[in-house]
Amino acid sequence: MRRVVLATRNTGKIVELRRILAEAALPVEIVGLEEFPQIGDVAETGLTFAENALLKAHAVARASGLPAVADDSGLCVDALNGMPGIFSARWSGTHGDDRANLDLLLAQVSDVPDGRRGAHFACAAALALPSGQERVAEGALHGSIIRAPRGTGGFGYDPVFVPEGEARTTAELAPEEKDAISHRGRAFRALAPILAEMIASE
């Protein structure tokens, strides 16, 4: 089994991505950054999800000497001109404060009528090898923002996002249902064959 580092300390994301990549039956062992305490946080200075994902993947591949996978994802709200976008995790000013981010977002769109509350989750998943090779795959999930949180699953903005064709929020979906349609699931399923090909050719 080839070890591949998932460039995150977010346990929810690690569990989710291990599940998605396990479905692809790749001969890899996914480990998170908790196994590499010497690797510090990587500044997300890119202007796009893909740039940020590549920054993280390259930094972790160099520091660990192993293939590294990273993603950057966020919620893009039509009425906010695509924001919070790459700033989704720190929209309220504190990185990773899901509740504060969610409350601020709902306040910002409180006057937006129901028919104009379109949004989409976007994800860029990047793979970097210690040699410097890189690839990116992207995925999106379109839907709308509701007025109050519902559901206890998922994380981030999941409790206020209803995918197109669904009545439930992504926080009300079973994990396997969410994986099947999520932006992250789509990006990582697209990356899985690329990962298999690149580590086989190393």
Protein backbone atom coordinates (compact mmCIF):
# COMPACT_ATOMS: atom_id res chain seq x y z
CA MET A 1 0.00 0.00 0.00
CA ARG A 2 1.39 3.37 -1.01
CA ARG A 3 1.06 6.12 1.61
CA VAL A 4 -0.53 9.34 0.42
CA VAL A 5 -0.81 12.37 2.68
CA LEU A 6 -4.10 14.23 2.81
CA ALA A 7 -3.09 17.81 3.53
CA THR A 8 -5.59 18.60 6.28
CA ARG A 9 -6.09 18.36 10.04
CA ASN A 10 -9.88 18.60 9.66
CA THR A 11 -11.05 15.22 10.95
CA GLY A 12 -14.44 15.51 9.21
CA LYS A 13 -12.71 16.07 5.88
CA ILE A 14 -10.26 13.20 6.46
CA VAL A 15 -13.11 10.77 7.20
CA GLU A 16 -15.08 12.00 4.19
CA LEU A 17 -12.17 11.79 1.75
CA ARG A 18 -10.98 8.40 2.99
CA ARG A 19 -14.52 7.13 2.30
CA ILE A 20 -14.57 8.62 -1.20
CA LEU A 21 -11.13 7.32 -2.17
CA ALA A 22 -11.88 3.89 -0.63
CA GLU A 23 -14.76 3.55 -3.10
CA ALA A 24 -12.23 3.89 -5.92
CA ALA A 25 -10.37 0.84 -4.51
CA LEU A 26 -6.95 2.47 -4.87
CA PRO A 27 -3.98 0.62 -3.33
CA VAL A 28 -3.17 3.60 -1.10
CA GLU A 29 -3.20 4.34 2.60
CA ILE A 30 -4.51 7.83 3.29
CA VAL A 31 -2.88 9.58 6.24
CA GLY A 32 -3.63 13.05 7.54
CA LEU A 33 -1.33 15.79 8.76
CA GLU A 34 -1.77 14.59 12.35
CA GLU A 35 1.00 12.10 11.49
CA PHE A 36 3.33 14.97 10.51
CA PRO A 37 3.33 17.45 13.40
CA GLN A 38 6.46 19.07 11.99
CA ILE A 39 4.53 20.34 8.97
CA GLY A 40 3.05 23.74 9.72
CA ASP A 41 0.01 25.38 8.21
CA VAL A 42 0.35 26.48 4.59
CA ALA A 43 -0.74 30.04 3.83
CA GLU A 44 -3.62 30.02 1.34
CA THR A 45 -2.49 33.01 -0.71
CA GLY A 46 -3.95 31.87 -4.03
CA LEU A 47 -6.79 33.68 -5.78
CA THR A 48 -8.64 30.50 -6.78
CA PHE A 49 -9.56 27.18 -5.20
CA ALA A 50 -7.11 25.41 -7.55
CA GLU A 51 -4.21 27.70 -6.64
CA ASN A 52 -4.78 27.18 -2.91
CA ALA A 53 -5.11 23.41 -3.28
CA LEU A 54 -1.84 23.25 -5.24
CA LEU A 55 0.00 25.42 -2.69
CA LYS A 56 -0.98 23.00 0.08
CA ALA A 57 -0.29 19.84 -1.92
CA HIS A 58 3.19 20.95 -3.04
CA ALA A 59 4.19 22.13 0.44
CA VAL A 60 3.14 18.84 2.05
CA ALA A 61 4.71 16.69 -0.71
CA ARG A 62 8.03 18.50 -0.26
CA ALA A 63 7.94 18.30 3.55
CA SER A 64 6.80 14.67 3.78
CA GLY A 65 8.54 13.16 0.76
CA LEU A 66 5.24 11.45 -0.11
CA PRO A 67 2.53 12.10 -2.70
CA ALA A 68 0.17 14.68 -1.25
CA VAL A 69 -3.45 15.45 -1.96
CA ALA A 70 -5.09 18.70 -0.91
CA ASP A 71 -8.37 20.38 -1.60
CA ASP A 72 -9.73 23.86 -1.34
CA SER A 73 -13.43 24.31 -1.38
CA GLY A 74 -16.09 26.77 -0.43
CA LEU A 75 -19.56 28.15 -0.91
CA CYS A 76 -20.20 30.64 -3.71
CA VAL A 77 -23.45 32.62 -3.24
CA ASP A 78 -24.98 34.29 -6.30
CA ALA A 79 -26.40 37.25 -4.35
CA LEU A 80 -22.94 37.91 -2.85
CA ASN A 81 -21.18 37.91 -6.24
CA GLY A 82 -19.72 34.46 -5.63
CA MET A 83 -18.55 35.11 -2.09
CA PRO A 84 -17.54 33.83 0.43
CA GLY A 85 -15.74 31.64 -2.15
CA ILE A 86 -12.09 31.06 -1.21
CA PHE A 87 -12.76 32.89 2.08
CA SER A 88 -15.50 30.45 3.16
CA ALA A 89 -13.60 28.95 6.12
CA ARG A 90 -12.74 32.38 7.54
CA TRP A 91 -15.73 34.45 6.39
CA SER A 92 -16.47 35.70 9.92
CA GLY A 93 -12.79 36.51 10.53
CA THR A 94 -11.91 33.40 12.54
CA HIS A 95 -10.69 30.42 10.55
CA GLY A 96 -12.85 27.34 11.02
CA ASP A 97 -15.59 28.90 13.20
CA ASP A 98 -18.43 27.18 11.34
CA ARG A 99 -21.24 28.67 13.40
CA ALA A 100 -19.99 32.25 13.15
CA ASN A 101 -19.43 31.88 9.41
CA LEU A 102 -22.90 30.45 8.91
CA ASP A 103 -24.60 33.13 11.04
CA LEU A 104 -22.82 35.93 9.17
CA LEU A 105 -23.79 34.48 5.80
CA LEU A 106 -27.46 34.16 6.78
CA ALA A 107 -27.47 37.75 8.01
CA GLN A 108 -25.96 38.97 4.74
CA VAL A 109 -28.64 37.30 2.60
CA SER A 110 -31.57 37.84 4.99
CA ASP A 111 -33.22 40.34 2.59
CA VAL A 112 -32.68 38.22 -0.52
CA PRO A 113 -35.98 36.69 -1.74
CA ASP A 114 -36.30 32.91 -1.88
CA GLY A 115 -36.15 32.77 -5.66
CA ARG A 116 -32.78 34.52 -5.76
CA ARG A 117 -30.86 32.54 -3.14
CA GLY A 118 -28.92 30.37 -5.60
CA ALA A 119 -25.46 29.14 -4.62
CA HIS A 120 -22.99 26.38 -5.33
CA PHE A 121 -20.29 24.54 -3.48
CA ALA A 122 -17.02 24.38 -5.44
CA CYS A 123 -13.99 22.16 -4.85
CA ALA A 124 -10.56 21.87 -6.42
CA ALA A 125 -8.64 18.70 -5.50
CA ALA A 126 -4.90 18.76 -6.20
CA LEU A 127 -2.28 16.04 -6.28
CA ALA A 128 1.42 16.88 -6.01
CA LEU A 129 4.36 14.47 -6.09
CA PRO A 130 7.71 15.17 -4.38
CA SER A 131 9.14 15.43 -7.92
CA GLY A 132 6.98 18.51 -8.53
CA GLN A 133 4.41 16.89 -10.84
CA GLU A 134 0.89 18.16 -10.27
CA ARG A 135 -2.70 17.62 -11.38
CA VAL A 136 -6.01 19.23 -10.40
CA ALA A 137 -9.62 18.01 -10.67
CA GLU A 138 -12.67 20.14 -9.89
CA GLY A 139 -16.26 19.54 -8.85
CA ALA A 140 -19.35 21.60 -8.07
CA LEU A 141 -22.76 21.14 -6.46
CA HIS A 142 -25.51 23.65 -7.25
CA GLY A 143 -28.42 24.51 -5.00
CA SER A 144 -29.78 27.29 -2.80
CA ILE A 145 -29.47 28.81 0.67
CA ILE A 146 -32.33 28.38 3.15
CA ARG A 147 -33.15 30.81 5.96
CA ALA A 148 -32.30 28.69 9.03
CA PRO A 149 -29.96 25.75 9.61
CA ARG A 150 -31.32 22.19 9.43
CA GLY A 151 -29.55 18.90 10.11
CA THR A 152 -26.62 17.73 12.19
CA GLY A 153 -24.47 15.96 9.61
CA GLY A 154 -21.63 17.41 7.56
CA PHE A 155 -19.82 20.58 8.53
CA GLY A 156 -19.35 24.17 7.42
CA TYR A 157 -22.32 25.55 5.48
CA ASP A 158 -24.02 22.16 5.02
CA PRO A 159 -26.97 22.99 7.34
CA VAL A 160 -28.14 25.90 5.14
CA PHE A 161 -27.52 24.46 1.66
CA VAL A 162 -30.20 22.53 -0.24
CA PRO A 163 -28.91 20.83 -3.44
CA GLU A 164 -30.91 21.14 -6.67
CA GLY A 165 -33.63 18.47 -6.80
CA GLU A 166 -33.51 17.90 -3.01
CA ALA A 167 -35.76 19.01 -0.16
CA ARG A 168 -33.10 18.24 2.46
CA THR A 169 -29.98 20.19 3.32
CA THR A 170 -26.59 18.55 2.83
CA ALA A 171 -26.45 18.28 6.65
CA GLU A 172 -29.61 16.10 6.53
CA LEU A 173 -28.22 13.66 3.95
CA ALA A 174 -26.66 10.34 4.95
CA PRO A 175 -22.87 10.38 4.43
CA GLU A 176 -23.05 8.11 1.37
CA GLU A 177 -25.82 10.26 -0.15
CA LYS A 178 -23.74 13.40 0.33
CA ASP A 179 -20.61 11.74 -1.10
CA ALA A 180 -22.53 10.73 -4.23
CA ILE A 181 -23.40 14.32 -5.15
CA SER A 182 -21.02 16.58 -3.24
CA HIS A 183 -18.54 18.96 -4.86
CA ARG A 184 -15.76 17.24 -2.93
CA GLY A 185 -16.96 13.78 -3.92
CA ARG A 186 -17.05 14.80 -7.58
CA ALA A 187 -13.60 16.39 -7.47
CA PHE A 188 -11.97 13.46 -5.66
CA ARG A 189 -13.66 10.82 -7.82
CA ALA A 190 -12.23 12.67 -10.82
CA LEU A 191 -8.81 12.78 -9.13
CA ALA A 192 -8.78 9.07 -8.16
CA PRO A 193 -7.76 7.66 -11.58
CA ILE A 194 -5.17 10.44 -11.95
CA LEU A 195 -3.74 9.51 -8.54
CA ALA A 196 -3.57 5.83 -9.53
CA GLU A 197 -1.82 6.69 -12.80
CA MET A 198 0.68 9.12 -11.28
CA ILE A 199 1.81 6.98 -8.35
CA ALA A 200 2.12 3.97 -10.66
CA SER A 201 4.43 5.90 -12.98
CA GLU A 202 6.71 7.20 -10.21
